[in-house]
Amino acid sequence: NYSYQEGKAELFSNTHPDPYCVPYMPGGSLFMRNPPPPLEICFPDGDIPADAPKHLMNPDMTICRPETGKSAVGSVLVDFGKKNME
């Protein structure tokens, strides 16, 4: 008959010291491997094609959406120790 605290202690003792992370997230092998360059760099004259993507990307290569809380416009803190971005 395990208590909650005993189970939690056993789970913690059996947890890998370097946990798995999704490849495209901070700490993953695909993180920012081929980030898309800004359109202003690709088209310095301002003649951006009509079919060019009009969305911004987060460092984890997801689309910036303020309603999801993942709108990393500007500077972003990527913590490789915790394997996340803030």
Protein backbone atom coordinates (compact mmCIF):
# COMPACT_ATOMS: atom_id res chain seq x y z
CA ASN A 1 0.00 0.00 0.00
CA TYR A 2 1.91 3.02 -1.34
CA SER A 3 1.26 6.52 -0.18
CA TYR A 4 1.30 9.40 -2.61
CA GLN A 5 4.62 10.70 -1.26
CA GLU A 6 6.29 7.28 -1.54
CA GLY A 7 5.09 6.90 -5.12
CA LYS A 8 6.28 10.38 -5.98
CA ALA A 9 9.71 9.67 -4.43
CA GLU A 10 10.03 6.40 -6.38
CA LEU A 11 9.03 8.13 -9.63
CA PHE A 12 11.60 10.85 -9.03
CA SER A 13 14.35 8.31 -8.24
CA ASN A 14 13.62 6.44 -11.50
CA THR A 15 13.44 9.56 -13.69
CA HIS A 16 16.20 9.97 -16.27
CA PRO A 17 18.55 12.87 -15.46
CA ASP A 18 18.33 14.22 -19.02
CA PRO A 19 14.64 13.89 -19.94
CA TYR A 20 13.44 13.39 -23.51
CA CYS A 21 12.52 16.53 -25.39
CA VAL A 22 10.75 16.95 -28.71
CA PRO A 23 13.41 17.43 -31.46
CA TYR A 24 12.17 20.89 -32.53
CA MET A 25 12.01 22.27 -28.96
CA PRO A 26 14.93 23.84 -27.05
CA GLY A 27 17.51 21.15 -26.35
CA GLY A 28 16.35 19.04 -29.30
CA SER A 29 18.44 18.11 -32.31
CA LEU A 30 16.24 20.08 -34.75
CA PHE A 31 15.89 23.26 -32.65
CA MET A 32 16.42 26.29 -34.92
CA ARG A 33 18.32 24.14 -37.41
CA ASN A 34 16.94 25.97 -40.45
CA PRO A 35 15.13 29.03 -39.15
CA PRO A 36 13.32 31.00 -41.84
CA PRO A 37 15.06 34.29 -42.63
CA PRO A 38 13.01 37.48 -42.27
CA LEU A 39 11.24 38.52 -45.48
CA GLU A 40 12.93 41.94 -45.23
CA ILE A 41 16.28 40.17 -45.69
CA CYS A 42 15.07 38.04 -48.62
CA PHE A 43 13.41 40.98 -50.38
CA PRO A 44 15.33 44.14 -49.42
CA ASP A 45 13.54 46.21 -52.07
CA GLY A 46 10.21 45.49 -50.35
CA ASP A 47 8.75 43.60 -53.34
CA ILE A 48 7.46 40.63 -51.30
CA PRO A 49 5.54 38.09 -53.44
CA ALA A 50 1.81 37.76 -52.81
CA ASP A 51 2.15 34.04 -52.00
CA ALA A 52 4.83 34.58 -49.32
CA PRO A 53 3.80 33.39 -45.84
CA LYS A 54 2.39 36.22 -43.75
CA HIS A 55 2.82 34.66 -40.30
CA LEU A 56 5.65 34.94 -37.79
CA MET A 57 7.37 31.87 -36.36
CA ASN A 58 8.30 31.05 -32.77
CA PRO A 59 11.77 29.64 -32.01
CA ASP A 60 10.22 26.16 -31.80
CA MET A 61 8.99 26.61 -35.41
CA THR A 62 5.30 26.96 -34.46
CA ILE A 63 3.19 29.86 -35.75
CA CYS A 64 2.91 32.87 -33.42
CA ARG A 65 -0.63 33.03 -32.08
CA PRO A 66 -1.41 35.38 -29.17
CA GLU A 67 -4.49 33.36 -28.17
CA THR A 68 -2.32 30.30 -27.41
CA GLY A 69 0.21 32.25 -25.36
CA LYS A 70 2.93 31.33 -27.85
CA SER A 71 3.65 34.63 -29.50
CA ALA A 72 7.41 35.02 -29.25
CA VAL A 73 7.75 38.29 -31.10
CA GLY A 74 10.86 40.18 -30.12
CA SER A 75 13.48 38.69 -27.83
CA VAL A 76 12.85 35.26 -26.35
CA LEU A 77 14.65 33.57 -23.46
CA VAL A 78 15.53 29.99 -24.38
CA ASP A 79 16.55 28.04 -21.28
CA PHE A 80 18.53 24.99 -22.40
CA GLY A 81 18.79 23.75 -18.80
CA LYS A 82 15.01 23.50 -18.42
CA LYS A 83 14.56 22.82 -22.15
CA ASN A 84 11.89 25.46 -22.67
CA MET A 85 11.40 29.00 -23.96
CA GLU A 86 9.94 31.90 -22.01
